[in-house]
Amino acid sequence: LFPQKSSIHVSKLEPELRAQIHEQNPSIEVVY
């Protein structure tokens, strides 16, 4: 019913992690 390798939009992540990801790679919009 759901992919084993699921995805979530960066905007829905915790603020700290979201900031960390944007700092590493601003182009990333979806993580797995």
Full PDB file with SEQRES, HELIX, SHEET, SSBOND, CRYST1, ORIGX, SCALE, CONECT and MASTER records, all heavy atoms in Angstrom:
SEQRES   1 A   32  LEU PHE PRO GLN LYS SER SER ILE HIS VAL SER LYS LEU          
SEQRES   2 A   32  GLU PRO GLU LEU ARG ALA GLN ILE HIS GLU GLN ASN PRO          
SEQRES   3 A   32  SER ILE GLU VAL VAL TYR                                      
HELIX    1 AA1 VAL A   10  LYS A   12  5                                   3    
HELIX    2 AA2 PRO A   15  GLN A   24  1                                  10    
CRYST1    1.000    1.000    1.000  90.00  90.00  90.00 P 1           1          
ORIGX1      1.000000  0.000000  0.000000        0.00000                         
ORIGX2      0.000000  1.000000  0.000000        0.00000                         
ORIGX3      0.000000  0.000000  1.000000        0.00000                         
SCALE1      1.000000  0.000000  0.000000        0.00000                         
SCALE2      0.000000  1.000000  0.000000        0.00000                         
SCALE3      0.000000  0.000000  1.000000        0.00000                         
ATOM      1  N   LEU A   1       0.822  -1.212   0.000  1.00  0.00           N  
ATOM      2  CA  LEU A   1       0.000   0.000   0.000  1.00  0.00           C  
ATOM      3  C   LEU A   1       0.854   1.260   0.000  1.00  0.00           C  
ATOM      4  O   LEU A   1       0.488   2.280  -0.574  1.00  0.00           O  
ATOM      5  CB  LEU A   1      -0.934   0.008   1.218  1.00  0.00           C  
ATOM      6  CG  LEU A   1      -2.080  -0.997   1.199  1.00  0.00           C  
ATOM      7  CD1 LEU A   1      -2.844  -0.956   2.507  1.00  0.00           C  
ATOM      8  CD2 LEU A   1      -3.019  -0.725   0.020  1.00  0.00           C  
ATOM      9  N   PHE A   2       2.012   1.201   0.654  1.00  0.00           N  
ATOM     10  CA  PHE A   2       2.926   2.340   0.709  1.00  0.00           C  
ATOM     11  C   PHE A   2       4.320   1.887   0.278  1.00  0.00           C  
ATOM     12  O   PHE A   2       4.707   0.755   0.568  1.00  0.00           O  
ATOM     13  CB  PHE A   2       3.005   2.912   2.133  1.00  0.00           C  
ATOM     14  CG  PHE A   2       1.681   3.329   2.698  1.00  0.00           C  
ATOM     15  CD1 PHE A   2       0.995   2.492   3.558  1.00  0.00           C  
ATOM     16  CD2 PHE A   2       1.120   4.552   2.366  1.00  0.00           C  
ATOM     17  CE1 PHE A   2      -0.234   2.861   4.094  1.00  0.00           C  
ATOM     18  CE2 PHE A   2      -0.106   4.941   2.889  1.00  0.00           C  
ATOM     19  CZ  PHE A   2      -0.789   4.092   3.748  1.00  0.00           C  
ATOM     20  N   PRO A   3       5.074   2.737  -0.405  1.00  0.00           N  
ATOM     21  CA  PRO A   3       6.428   2.364  -0.820  1.00  0.00           C  
ATOM     22  C   PRO A   3       7.310   2.068   0.389  1.00  0.00           C  
ATOM     23  O   PRO A   3       7.199   2.737   1.421  1.00  0.00           O  
ATOM     24  CB  PRO A   3       6.940   3.606  -1.561  1.00  0.00           C  
ATOM     25  CG  PRO A   3       5.703   4.376  -1.938  1.00  0.00           C  
ATOM     26  CD  PRO A   3       4.704   4.093  -0.856  1.00  0.00           C  
ATOM     27  N   GLN A   4       8.157   1.042   0.274  1.00  0.00           N  
ATOM     28  CA  GLN A   4       9.097   0.742   1.349  1.00  0.00           C  
ATOM     29  C   GLN A   4      10.034   1.934   1.582  1.00  0.00           C  
ATOM     30  O   GLN A   4      10.318   2.319   2.699  1.00  0.00           O  
ATOM     31  CB  GLN A   4       9.913  -0.509   1.002  1.00  0.00           C  
ATOM     32  CG  GLN A   4      10.917  -0.920   2.063  1.00  0.00           C  
ATOM     33  CD  GLN A   4      10.233  -1.408   3.334  1.00  0.00           C  
ATOM     34  OE1 GLN A   4       9.215  -2.074   3.266  1.00  0.00           O  
ATOM     35  NE2 GLN A   4      10.771  -1.046   4.480  1.00  0.00           N  
ATOM     36  N   LYS A   5      10.512   2.497   0.459  1.00  0.00           N  
ATOM     37  CA  LYS A   5      11.344   3.698   0.543  1.00  0.00           C  
ATOM     38  C   LYS A   5      10.400   4.887   0.432  1.00  0.00           C  
ATOM     39  O   LYS A   5      10.145   5.404  -0.646  1.00  0.00           O  
ATOM     40  CB  LYS A   5      12.379   3.705  -0.588  1.00  0.00           C  
ATOM     41  CG  LYS A   5      13.354   4.867  -0.542  1.00  0.00           C  
ATOM     42  CD  LYS A   5      14.347   4.766  -1.696  1.00  0.00           C  
ATOM     43  CE  LYS A   5      15.343   5.914  -1.698  1.00  0.00           C  
ATOM     44  NZ  LYS A   5      16.298   5.812  -2.832  1.00  0.00           N  
ATOM     45  N   SER A   6       9.872   5.300   1.585  1.00  0.00           N  
ATOM     46  CA  SER A   6       8.883   6.374   1.591  1.00  0.00           C  
ATOM     47  C   SER A   6       9.574   7.733   1.506  1.00  0.00           C  
ATOM     48  O   SER A   6      10.784   7.848   1.713  1.00  0.00           O  
ATOM     49  CB  SER A   6       8.034   6.303   2.856  1.00  0.00           C  
ATOM     50  OG  SER A   6       7.134   5.218   2.797  1.00  0.00           O  
ATOM     51  N   SER A   7       8.785   8.746   1.199  1.00  0.00           N  
ATOM     52  CA  SER A   7       9.341  10.086   1.045  1.00  0.00           C  
ATOM     53  C   SER A   7       8.539  11.088   1.865  1.00  0.00           C  
ATOM     54  O   SER A   7       7.377  10.843   2.208  1.00  0.00           O  
ATOM     55  CB  SER A   7       9.335  10.495  -0.427  1.00  0.00           C  
ATOM     56  OG  SER A   7       8.009  10.536  -0.933  1.00  0.00           O  
ATOM     57  N   ILE A   8       9.167  12.191   2.172  1.00  0.00           N  
ATOM     58  CA  ILE A   8       8.508  13.272   2.898  1.00  0.00           C  
ATOM     59  C   ILE A   8       9.134  14.592   2.435  1.00  0.00           C  
ATOM     60  O   ILE A   8      10.348  14.665   2.204  1.00  0.00           O  
ATOM     61  CB  ILE A   8       8.654  13.086   4.426  1.00  0.00           C  
ATOM     62  CG1 ILE A   8       7.866  14.166   5.181  1.00  0.00           C  
ATOM     63  CG2 ILE A   8      10.114  13.085   4.852  1.00  0.00           C  
ATOM     64  CD1 ILE A   8       7.791  13.900   6.683  1.00  0.00           C  
ATOM     65  N   HIS A   9       8.297  15.599   2.282  1.00  0.00           N  
ATOM     66  CA  HIS A   9       8.789  16.894   1.824  1.00  0.00           C  
ATOM     67  C   HIS A   9       9.601  17.562   2.935  1.00  0.00           C  
ATOM     68  O   HIS A   9       9.240  17.478   4.117  1.00  0.00           O  
ATOM     69  CB  HIS A   9       7.618  17.802   1.423  1.00  0.00           C  
ATOM     70  CG  HIS A   9       8.015  18.902   0.488  1.00  0.00           C  
ATOM     71  ND1 HIS A   9       8.610  20.063   0.932  1.00  0.00           N  
ATOM     72  CD2 HIS A   9       7.925  19.011  -0.857  1.00  0.00           C  
ATOM     73  CE1 HIS A   9       8.867  20.847  -0.093  1.00  0.00           C  
ATOM     74  NE2 HIS A   9       8.458  20.230  -1.204  1.00  0.00           N  
ATOM     75  N   VAL A  10      10.696  18.169   2.555  1.00  0.00           N  
ATOM     76  CA  VAL A  10      11.577  18.821   3.528  1.00  0.00           C  
ATOM     77  C   VAL A  10      10.819  19.835   4.380  1.00  0.00           C  
ATOM     78  O   VAL A  10      11.100  20.005   5.567  1.00  0.00           O  
ATOM     79  CB  VAL A  10      12.767  19.500   2.800  1.00  0.00           C  
ATOM     80  CG1 VAL A  10      13.595  20.336   3.774  1.00  0.00           C  
ATOM     81  CG2 VAL A  10      13.642  18.453   2.129  1.00  0.00           C  
ATOM     82  N   SER A  11       9.826  20.488   3.795  1.00  0.00           N  
ATOM     83  CA  SER A  11       9.064  21.509   4.524  1.00  0.00           C  
ATOM     84  C   SER A  11       8.293  20.931   5.708  1.00  0.00           C  
ATOM     85  O   SER A  11       7.888  21.667   6.610  1.00  0.00           O  
ATOM     86  CB  SER A  11       8.097  22.223   3.585  1.00  0.00           C  
ATOM     87  OG  SER A  11       7.131  21.318   3.075  1.00  0.00           O  
ATOM     88  N   LYS A  12       8.081  19.595   5.729  1.00  0.00           N  
ATOM     89  CA  LYS A  12       7.333  18.960   6.813  1.00  0.00           C  
ATOM     90  C   LYS A  12       8.242  18.440   7.923  1.00  0.00           C  
ATOM     91  O   LYS A  12       7.750  17.938   8.941  1.00  0.00           O  
ATOM     92  CB  LYS A  12       6.487  17.806   6.254  1.00  0.00           C  
ATOM     93  CG  LYS A  12       5.403  18.263   5.296  1.00  0.00           C  
ATOM     94  CD  LYS A  12       4.576  17.089   4.805  1.00  0.00           C  
ATOM     95  CE  LYS A  12       3.471  17.551   3.854  1.00  0.00           C  
ATOM     96  NZ  LYS A  12       2.659  16.416   3.341  1.00  0.00           N  
ATOM     97  N   LEU A  13       9.549  18.544   7.724  1.00  0.00           N  
ATOM     98  CA  LEU A  13      10.494  18.062   8.722  1.00  0.00           C  
ATOM     99  C   LEU A  13      10.634  19.055   9.881  1.00  0.00           C  
ATOM    100  O   LEU A  13      10.184  20.197   9.801  1.00  0.00           O  
ATOM    101  CB  LEU A  13      11.861  17.822   8.077  1.00  0.00           C  
ATOM    102  CG  LEU A  13      11.917  16.748   6.983  1.00  0.00           C  
ATOM    103  CD1 LEU A  13      13.302  16.735   6.351  1.00  0.00           C  
ATOM    104  CD2 LEU A  13      11.562  15.376   7.550  1.00  0.00           C  
ATOM    105  N   GLU A  14      11.308  18.602  10.939  1.00  0.00           N  
ATOM    106  CA  GLU A  14      11.577  19.460  12.077  1.00  0.00           C  
ATOM    107  C   GLU A  14      12.403  20.673  11.628  1.00  0.00           C  
ATOM    108  O   GLU A  14      13.256  20.547  10.746  1.00  0.00           O  
ATOM    109  CB  GLU A  14      12.351  18.695  13.151  1.00  0.00           C  
ATOM    110  CG  GLU A  14      11.625  17.490  13.708  1.00  0.00           C  
ATOM    111  CD  GLU A  14      11.864  16.209  12.941  1.00  0.00           C  
ATOM    112  OE1 GLU A  14      12.024  16.254  11.686  1.00  0.00           O  
ATOM    113  OE2 GLU A  14      11.881  15.149  13.576  1.00  0.00           O  
ATOM    114  N   PRO A  15      12.171  21.846  12.219  1.00  0.00           N  
ATOM    115  CA  PRO A  15      12.877  23.068  11.805  1.00  0.00           C  
ATOM    116  C   PRO A  15      14.395  22.923  11.804  1.00  0.00           C  
ATOM    117  O   PRO A  15      15.068  23.383  10.881  1.00  0.00           O  
ATOM    118  CB  PRO A  15      12.421  24.106  12.843  1.00  0.00           C  
ATOM    119  CG  PRO A  15      11.088  23.615  13.289  1.00  0.00           C  
ATOM    120  CD  PRO A  15      11.176  22.118  13.274  1.00  0.00           C  
ATOM    121  N   GLU A  16      14.949  22.262  12.835  1.00  0.00           N  
ATOM    122  CA  GLU A  16      16.404  22.116  12.922  1.00  0.00           C  
ATOM    123  C   GLU A  16      16.940  21.287  11.758  1.00  0.00           C  
ATOM    124  O   GLU A  16      17.944  21.648  11.125  1.00  0.00           O  
ATOM    125  CB  GLU A  16      16.798  21.464  14.243  1.00  0.00           C  
ATOM    126  CG  GLU A  16      16.376  22.239  15.471  1.00  0.00           C  
ATOM    127  CD  GLU A  16      14.938  21.956  15.878  1.00  0.00           C  
ATOM    128  OE1 GLU A  16      14.264  21.133  15.209  1.00  0.00           O  
ATOM    129  OE2 GLU A  16      14.467  22.583  16.856  1.00  0.00           O  
ATOM    130  N   LEU A  17      16.278  20.168  11.491  1.00  0.00           N  
ATOM    131  CA  LEU A  17      16.718  19.302  10.407  1.00  0.00           C  
ATOM    132  C   LEU A  17      16.517  19.979   9.057  1.00  0.00           C  
ATOM    133  O   LEU A  17      17.355  19.872   8.152  1.00  0.00           O  
ATOM    134  CB  LEU A  17      15.957  17.966  10.449  1.00  0.00           C  
ATOM    135  CG  LEU A  17      16.306  16.951   9.356  1.00  0.00           C  
ATOM    136  CD1 LEU A  17      17.791  16.617   9.365  1.00  0.00           C  
ATOM    137  CD2 LEU A  17      15.469  15.683   9.516  1.00  0.00           C  
ATOM    138  N   ARG A  18      15.404  20.686   8.929  1.00  0.00           N  
ATOM    139  CA  ARG A  18      15.121  21.411   7.685  1.00  0.00           C  
ATOM    140  C   ARG A  18      16.228  22.435   7.411  1.00  0.00           C  
ATOM    141  O   ARG A  18      16.732  22.533   6.287  1.00  0.00           O  
ATOM    142  CB  ARG A  18      13.766  22.102   7.805  1.00  0.00           C  
ATOM    143  CG  ARG A  18      13.261  22.719   6.517  1.00  0.00           C  
ATOM    144  CD  ARG A  18      11.785  23.022   6.604  1.00  0.00           C  
ATOM    145  NE  ARG A  18      11.487  24.021   7.608  1.00  0.00           N  
ATOM    146  CZ  ARG A  18      10.630  23.833   8.624  1.00  0.00           C  
ATOM    147  NH1 ARG A  18      10.012  22.691   8.771  1.00  0.00           N  
ATOM    148  NH2 ARG A  18      10.402  24.800   9.494  1.00  0.00           N  
ATOM    149  N   ALA A  19      16.626  23.151   8.427  1.00  0.00           N  
ATOM    150  CA  ALA A  19      17.689  24.148   8.266  1.00  0.00           C  
ATOM    151  C   ALA A  19      19.015  23.479   7.926  1.00  0.00           C  
ATOM    152  O   ALA A  19      19.788  23.975   7.088  1.00  0.00           O  
ATOM    153  CB  ALA A  19      17.825  24.968   9.548  1.00  0.00           C  
ATOM    154  N   GLN A  20      19.260  22.353   8.562  1.00  0.00           N  
ATOM    155  CA  GLN A  20      20.510  21.615   8.311  1.00  0.00           C  
ATOM    156  C   GLN A  20      20.582  21.133   6.869  1.00  0.00           C  
ATOM    157  O   GLN A  20      21.626  21.251   6.213  1.00  0.00           O  
ATOM    158  CB  GLN A  20      20.579  20.427   9.271  1.00  0.00           C  
ATOM    159  CG  GLN A  20      21.811  19.545   9.111  1.00  0.00           C  
ATOM    160  CD  GLN A  20      21.767  18.357  10.065  1.00  0.00           C  
ATOM    161  OE1 GLN A  20      21.345  18.490  11.215  1.00  0.00           O  
ATOM    162  NE2 GLN A  20      22.185  17.208   9.572  1.00  0.00           N  
ATOM    163  N   ILE A  21      19.463  20.624   6.347  1.00  0.00           N  
ATOM    164  CA  ILE A  21      19.432  20.126   4.973  1.00  0.00           C  
ATOM    165  C   ILE A  21      19.585  21.275   3.981  1.00  0.00           C  
ATOM    166  O   ILE A  21      20.325  21.171   3.000  1.00  0.00           O  
ATOM    167  CB  ILE A  21      18.125  19.345   4.718  1.00  0.00           C  
ATOM    168  CG1 ILE A  21      18.131  18.050   5.531  1.00  0.00           C  
ATOM    169  CG2 ILE A  21      17.947  19.037   3.226  1.00  0.00           C  
ATOM    170  CD1 ILE A  21      16.823  17.286   5.502  1.00  0.00           C  
ATOM    171  N   HIS A  22      18.901  22.373   4.230  1.00  0.00           N  
ATOM    172  CA  HIS A  22      18.996  23.535   3.337  1.00  0.00           C  
ATOM    173  C   HIS A  22      20.413  24.104   3.317  1.00  0.00           C  
ATOM    174  O   HIS A  22      20.886  24.590   2.292  1.00  0.00           O  
ATOM    175  CB  HIS A  22      18.006  24.615   3.769  1.00  0.00           C  
ATOM    176  CG  HIS A  22      16.608  24.332   3.315  1.00  0.00           C  
ATOM    177  ND1 HIS A  22      15.494  24.851   3.943  1.00  0.00           N  
ATOM    178  CD2 HIS A  22      16.128  23.569   2.304  1.00  0.00           C  
ATOM    179  CE1 HIS A  22      14.397  24.432   3.329  1.00  0.00           C  
ATOM    180  NE2 HIS A  22      14.759  23.646   2.332  1.00  0.00           N  
ATOM    181  N   GLU A  23      21.085  23.994   4.453  1.00  0.00           N  
ATOM    182  CA  GLU A  23      22.464  24.483   4.519  1.00  0.00           C  
ATOM    183  C   GLU A  23      23.396  23.582   3.707  1.00  0.00           C  
ATOM    184  O   GLU A  23      24.302  24.062   3.029  1.00  0.00           O  
ATOM    185  CB  GLU A  23      22.919  24.526   5.977  1.00  0.00           C  
ATOM    186  CG  GLU A  23      24.327  25.109   6.159  1.00  0.00           C  
ATOM    187  CD  GLU A  23      24.731  25.185   7.620  1.00  0.00           C  
ATOM    188  OE1 GLU A  23      23.832  25.151   8.481  1.00  0.00           O  
ATOM    189  OE2 GLU A  23      25.935  25.257   7.884  1.00  0.00           O  
ATOM    190  N   GLN A  24      23.143  22.264   3.772  1.00  0.00           N  
ATOM    191  CA  GLN A  24      23.973  21.308   3.037  1.00  0.00           C  
ATOM    192  C   GLN A  24      23.698  21.367   1.539  1.00  0.00           C  
ATOM    193  O   GLN A  24      24.615  21.359   0.721  1.00  0.00           O  
ATOM    194  CB  GLN A  24      23.712  19.877   3.548  1.00  0.00           C  
ATOM    195  CG  GLN A  24      24.165  19.641   4.974  1.00  0.00           C  
ATOM    196  CD  GLN A  24      23.770  18.262   5.466  1.00  0.00           C  
ATOM    197  OE1 GLN A  24      23.179  17.462   4.746  1.00  0.00           O  
ATOM    198  NE2 GLN A  24      24.086  17.980   6.718  1.00  0.00           N  
ATOM    199  N   ASN A  25      22.387  21.388   1.211  1.00  0.00           N  
ATOM    200  CA  ASN A  25      21.999  21.378  -0.202  1.00  0.00           C  
ATOM    201  C   ASN A  25      20.630  22.037  -0.345  1.00  0.00           C  
ATOM    202  O   ASN A  25      19.601  21.383  -0.171  1.00  0.00           O  
ATOM    203  CB  ASN A  25      21.966  19.947  -0.741  1.00  0.00           C  
ATOM    204  CG  ASN A  25      21.817  19.896  -2.246  1.00  0.00           C  
ATOM    205  OD1 ASN A  25      21.302  20.826  -2.861  1.00  0.00           O  
ATOM    206  ND2 ASN A  25      22.243  18.801  -2.851  1.00  0.00           N  
ATOM    207  N   PRO A  26      20.592  23.313  -0.682  1.00  0.00           N  
ATOM    208  CA  PRO A  26      19.320  24.060  -0.769  1.00  0.00           C  
ATOM    209  C   PRO A  26      18.354  23.520  -1.825  1.00  0.00           C  
ATOM    210  O   PRO A  26      17.161  23.811  -1.769  1.00  0.00           O  
ATOM    211  CB  PRO A  26      19.770  25.484  -1.136  1.00  0.00           C  
ATOM    212  CG  PRO A  26      21.213  25.544  -0.772  1.00  0.00           C  
ATOM    213  CD  PRO A  26      21.753  24.166  -0.968  1.00  0.00           C  
ATOM    214  N   SER A  27      18.848  22.733  -2.765  1.00  0.00           N  
ATOM    215  CA  SER A  27      17.991  22.255  -3.856  1.00  0.00           C  
ATOM    216  C   SER A  27      17.157  21.039  -3.458  1.00  0.00           C  
ATOM    217  O   SER A  27      16.232  20.655  -4.173  1.00  0.00           O  
ATOM    218  CB  SER A  27      18.839  21.913  -5.084  1.00  0.00           C  
ATOM    219  OG  SER A  27      19.703  20.827  -4.807  1.00  0.00           O  
ATOM    220  N   ILE A  28      17.478  20.417  -2.339  1.00  0.00           N  
ATOM    221  CA  ILE A  28      16.743  19.217  -1.916  1.00  0.00           C  
ATOM    222  C   ILE A  28      15.356  19.609  -1.398  1.00  0.00           C  
ATOM    223  O   ILE A  28      15.230  20.409  -0.469  1.00  0.00           O  
ATOM    224  CB  ILE A  28      17.510  18.450  -0.822  1.00  0.00           C  
ATOM    225  CG1 ILE A  28      18.821  17.899  -1.373  1.00  0.00           C  
ATOM    226  CG2 ILE A  28      16.653  17.296  -0.275  1.00  0.00           C  
ATOM    227  CD1 ILE A  28      19.651  17.155  -0.335  1.00  0.00           C  
ATOM    228  N   GLU A  29      14.320  19.045  -2.012  1.00  0.00           N  
ATOM    229  CA  GLU A  29      12.945  19.329  -1.599  1.00  0.00           C  
ATOM    230  C   GLU A  29      12.268  18.120  -0.964  1.00  0.00           C  
ATOM    231  O   GLU A  29      11.311  18.267  -0.200  1.00  0.00           O  
ATOM    232  CB  GLU A  29      12.127  19.801  -2.804  1.00  0.00           C  
ATOM    233  CG  GLU A  29      12.599  21.132  -3.391  1.00  0.00           C  
ATOM    234  CD  GLU A  29      11.691  21.603  -4.517  1.00  0.00           C  
ATOM    235  OE1 GLU A  29      10.759  20.855  -4.880  1.00  0.00           O  
ATOM    236  OE2 GLU A  29      11.913  22.720  -5.027  1.00  0.00           O  
ATOM    237  N   VAL A  30      12.755  16.923  -1.308  1.00  0.00           N  
ATOM    238  CA  VAL A  30      12.152  15.692  -0.797  1.00  0.00           C  
ATOM    239  C   VAL A  30      13.255  14.796  -0.240  1.00  0.00           C  
ATOM    240  O   VAL A  30      14.326  14.687  -0.841  1.00  0.00           O  
ATOM    241  CB  VAL A  30      11.392  14.936  -1.910  1.00  0.00           C  
ATOM    242  CG1 VAL A  30      10.856  13.601  -1.395  1.00  0.00           C  
ATOM    243  CG2 VAL A  30      10.239  15.791  -2.433  1.00  0.00           C  
ATOM    244  N   VAL A  31      13.000  14.176   0.914  1.00  0.00           N  
ATOM    245  CA  VAL A  31      13.949  13.221   1.476  1.00  0.00           C  
ATOM    246  C   VAL A  31      13.259  11.858   1.602  1.00  0.00           C  
ATOM    247  O   VAL A  31      12.025  11.766   1.538  1.00  0.00           O  
ATOM    248  CB  VAL A  31      14.478  13.683   2.850  1.00  0.00           C  
ATOM    249  CG1 VAL A  31      15.306  14.945   2.699  1.00  0.00           C  
ATOM    250  CG2 VAL A  31      13.331  13.900   3.836  1.00  0.00           C  
ATOM    251  N   TYR A  32      14.069  10.824   1.804  1.00  0.00           N  
ATOM    252  CA  TYR A  32      13.549   9.456   1.783  1.00  0.00           C  
ATOM    253  C   TYR A  32      13.937   8.720   3.066  1.00  0.00           C  
ATOM    254  O   TYR A  32      14.928   9.049   3.718  1.00  0.00           O  
ATOM    255  CB  TYR A  32      14.088   8.712   0.566  1.00  0.00           C  
ATOM    256  CG  TYR A  32      13.718   9.396  -0.746  1.00  0.00           C  
ATOM    257  CD1 TYR A  32      14.530  10.417  -1.267  1.00  0.00           C  
ATOM    258  CD2 TYR A  32      12.567   9.057  -1.417  1.00  0.00           C  
ATOM    259  CE1 TYR A  32      14.183  11.079  -2.436  1.00  0.00           C  
ATOM    260  CE2 TYR A  32      12.207   9.704  -2.606  1.00  0.00           C  
ATOM    261  CZ  TYR A  32      13.026  10.706  -3.094  1.00  0.00           C  
ATOM    262  OH  TYR A  32      12.672  11.357  -4.244  1.00  0.00           O  
TER     263      TYR A  32                                                      
MASTER        0    0    0    2    0    0    0    6  262    1    0    3          
END                                                                             
